[in-house]
Each structure stands twice: as structure tokens, then as C-alpha cells.
Amino acid sequence: MVEPILHSLPRIPQRQEKLWQVAQELEAVFLTEMLKSAGLGETPEGFGGGPGEDQFSSFLIREQAGAMVEAGGLGLAEQLYQSLLEREK
């Protein structure tokens, strides 16, 4: 038996929640790159923490960007979310 197409589509609230999560993730990625460009996480010349610090600084920057988004961010996630909702119509 073939399932109707409507049963395979996600419900609207679930779909909107997924779009919101995607929009927040995109803002976090954007903020991560901006923080890297600003020099956050770079080891100062005189006080280097070694190769381990360099390897894990990207994780720290990513978490900081995620925390910024959860605290409201730049408003980019909201704009992305609205754009994604418009595309769904």
C-alpha cells in the first residue's frame, strides 16, 4: 500500500521549528567567522599555549558564537527565518 503524500510531510510547527534552528545555525556560523576575523582565539606571541590551544580555540569560538545567538545575536537569524518562511509559501 502507498502512503498518502500528506502523511510524509512534516507538520507545520515542526517545519517552522526546523527552519528556526537552521536560521540560528547560519547566524552562529556567520558569527564564528566574524570572531575569527577579529582575532578572537589567536594566541598572543609571548604567552602561547602550544599546539593544543590552537587546535581547540576553534571549538571555543564556535561555542561563544552559539551563546551569542542564544542571547539574541545580531538579529540575522530572525531575518533568515522570515526569508525561509516566505520561500515555503
C-alpha atoms as a PDB file:
ATOM      1  CA  MET A   1       0.000   0.000   0.000  1.00  0.00           C
ATOM      2  CA  VAL A   2       1.228   3.508  -0.826  1.00  0.00           C
ATOM      3  CA  GLU A   3       1.134   6.090   1.936  1.00  0.00           C
ATOM      4  CA  PRO A   4      -0.508   9.401   1.065  1.00  0.00           C
ATOM      5  CA  ILE A   5       1.948  12.219   0.456  1.00  0.00           C
ATOM      6  CA  LEU A   6       0.480  14.355   3.232  1.00  0.00           C
ATOM      7  CA  HIS A   7       1.499  11.790   5.850  1.00  0.00           C
ATOM      8  CA  SER A   8       5.149  12.005   4.817  1.00  0.00           C
ATOM      9  CA  LEU A   9       5.350  15.810   5.085  1.00  0.00           C
ATOM     10  CA  PRO A  10       6.385  17.270   8.442  1.00  0.00           C
ATOM     11  CA  ARG A  11       3.717  19.083  10.384  1.00  0.00           C
ATOM     12  CA  ILE A  12       3.827  22.877  10.088  1.00  0.00           C
ATOM     13  CA  PRO A  13       5.029  23.622  13.656  1.00  0.00           C
ATOM     14  CA  GLN A  14       7.811  21.042  13.319  1.00  0.00           C
ATOM     15  CA  ARG A  15       8.812  22.518   9.978  1.00  0.00           C
ATOM     16  CA  GLN A  16       8.864  26.049  11.399  1.00  0.00           C
ATOM     17  CA  GLU A  17      10.948  24.865  14.365  1.00  0.00           C
ATOM     18  CA  LYS A  18      13.428  23.261  11.965  1.00  0.00           C
ATOM     19  CA  LEU A  19      13.625  26.491   9.921  1.00  0.00           C
ATOM     20  CA  TRP A  20      14.294  28.470  13.113  1.00  0.00           C
ATOM     21  CA  GLN A  21      17.071  26.056  14.102  1.00  0.00           C
ATOM     22  CA  VAL A  22      18.634  26.338  10.639  1.00  0.00           C
ATOM     23  CA  ALA A  23      18.459  30.144  10.783  1.00  0.00           C
ATOM     24  CA  GLN A  24      20.140  30.169  14.202  1.00  0.00           C
ATOM     25  CA  GLU A  25      22.828  27.785  12.983  1.00  0.00           C
ATOM     26  CA  LEU A  26      23.553  30.030   9.990  1.00  0.00           C
ATOM     27  CA  GLU A  27      23.868  33.062  12.266  1.00  0.00           C
ATOM     28  CA  ALA A  28      26.211  31.102  14.548  1.00  0.00           C
ATOM     29  CA  VAL A  29      28.401  30.135  11.579  1.00  0.00           C
ATOM     30  CA  PHE A  30      28.471  33.770  10.453  1.00  0.00           C
ATOM     31  CA  LEU A  31      29.410  34.971  13.946  1.00  0.00           C
ATOM     32  CA  THR A  32      32.090  32.284  14.208  1.00  0.00           C
ATOM     33  CA  GLU A  33      33.756  33.580  11.066  1.00  0.00           C
ATOM     34  CA  MET A  34      33.437  37.186  12.231  1.00  0.00           C
ATOM     35  CA  LEU A  35      35.032  36.336  15.591  1.00  0.00           C
ATOM     36  CA  LYS A  36      37.872  34.504  13.845  1.00  0.00           C
ATOM     37  CA  SER A  37      38.430  37.514  11.575  1.00  0.00           C
ATOM     38  CA  ALA A  38      38.505  39.780  14.625  1.00  0.00           C
ATOM     39  CA  GLY A  39      41.349  37.700  16.039  1.00  0.00           C
ATOM     40  CA  LEU A  40      39.450  36.049  18.874  1.00  0.00           C
ATOM     41  CA  GLY A  41      41.191  32.844  19.854  1.00  0.00           C
ATOM     42  CA  GLU A  42      44.599  33.801  18.476  1.00  0.00           C
ATOM     43  CA  THR A  43      47.478  33.003  20.765  1.00  0.00           C
ATOM     44  CA  PRO A  44      49.407  36.072  21.939  1.00  0.00           C
ATOM     45  CA  GLU A  45      53.061  35.976  20.896  1.00  0.00           C
ATOM     46  CA  GLY A  46      54.591  35.915  24.381  1.00  0.00           C
ATOM     47  CA  PHE A  47      52.065  33.671  26.125  1.00  0.00           C
ATOM     48  CA  GLY A  48      51.476  30.796  23.735  1.00  0.00           C
ATOM     49  CA  GLY A  49      49.535  27.822  24.984  1.00  0.00           C
ATOM     50  CA  GLY A  50      51.060  25.416  22.499  1.00  0.00           C
ATOM     51  CA  PRO A  51      49.501  23.410  19.697  1.00  0.00           C
ATOM     52  CA  GLY A  52      46.616  22.218  21.876  1.00  0.00           C
ATOM     53  CA  GLU A  53      45.395  25.747  22.377  1.00  0.00           C
ATOM     54  CA  ASP A  54      45.455  26.404  18.648  1.00  0.00           C
ATOM     55  CA  GLN A  55      43.528  23.208  17.956  1.00  0.00           C
ATOM     56  CA  PHE A  56      40.783  23.839  20.480  1.00  0.00           C
ATOM     57  CA  SER A  57      40.365  27.595  20.059  1.00  0.00           C
ATOM     58  CA  SER A  58      38.018  26.989  17.104  1.00  0.00           C
ATOM     59  CA  PHE A  59      35.701  24.999  19.407  1.00  0.00           C
ATOM     60  CA  LEU A  60      35.709  27.825  21.926  1.00  0.00           C
ATOM     61  CA  ILE A  61      34.921  30.409  19.258  1.00  0.00           C
ATOM     62  CA  ARG A  62      32.071  28.248  17.923  1.00  0.00           C
ATOM     63  CA  GLU A  63      30.565  27.884  21.398  1.00  0.00           C
ATOM     64  CA  GLN A  64      30.881  31.613  22.041  1.00  0.00           C
ATOM     65  CA  ALA A  65      29.108  32.330  18.757  1.00  0.00           C
ATOM     66  CA  GLY A  66      26.343  29.885  19.725  1.00  0.00           C
ATOM     67  CA  ALA A  67      25.935  31.602  23.092  1.00  0.00           C
ATOM     68  CA  MET A  68      25.699  34.962  21.339  1.00  0.00           C
ATOM     69  CA  VAL A  69      22.919  33.649  19.086  1.00  0.00           C
ATOM     70  CA  GLU A  70      21.010  32.228  22.072  1.00  0.00           C
ATOM     71  CA  ALA A  71      21.282  35.622  23.780  1.00  0.00           C
ATOM     72  CA  GLY A  72      19.704  37.360  20.792  1.00  0.00           C
ATOM     73  CA  GLY A  73      22.623  37.631  18.403  1.00  0.00           C
ATOM     74  CA  LEU A  74      22.618  40.235  15.678  1.00  0.00           C
ATOM     75  CA  GLY A  75      19.064  39.612  14.542  1.00  0.00           C
ATOM     76  CA  LEU A  76      20.354  37.786  11.490  1.00  0.00           C
ATOM     77  CA  ALA A  77      18.599  34.541  12.479  1.00  0.00           C
ATOM     78  CA  GLU A  78      15.230  36.321  12.554  1.00  0.00           C
ATOM     79  CA  GLN A  79      15.793  37.770   9.086  1.00  0.00           C
ATOM     80  CA  LEU A  80      16.895  34.402   7.730  1.00  0.00           C
ATOM     81  CA  TYR A  81      13.915  32.701   9.362  1.00  0.00           C
ATOM     82  CA  GLN A  82      11.458  35.146   7.813  1.00  0.00           C
ATOM     83  CA  SER A  83      13.084  34.664   4.400  1.00  0.00           C
ATOM     84  CA  LEU A  84      12.894  30.885   4.729  1.00  0.00           C
ATOM     85  CA  LEU A  85       9.224  31.105   5.735  1.00  0.00           C
ATOM     86  CA  GLU A  86       8.494  33.220   2.665  1.00  0.00           C
ATOM     87  CA  ARG A  87      10.131  30.619   0.435  1.00  0.00           C
ATOM     88  CA  GLU A  88       7.892  27.938   1.962  1.00  0.00           C
ATOM     89  CA  LYS A  89       4.717  29.687   0.814  1.00  0.00           C
END
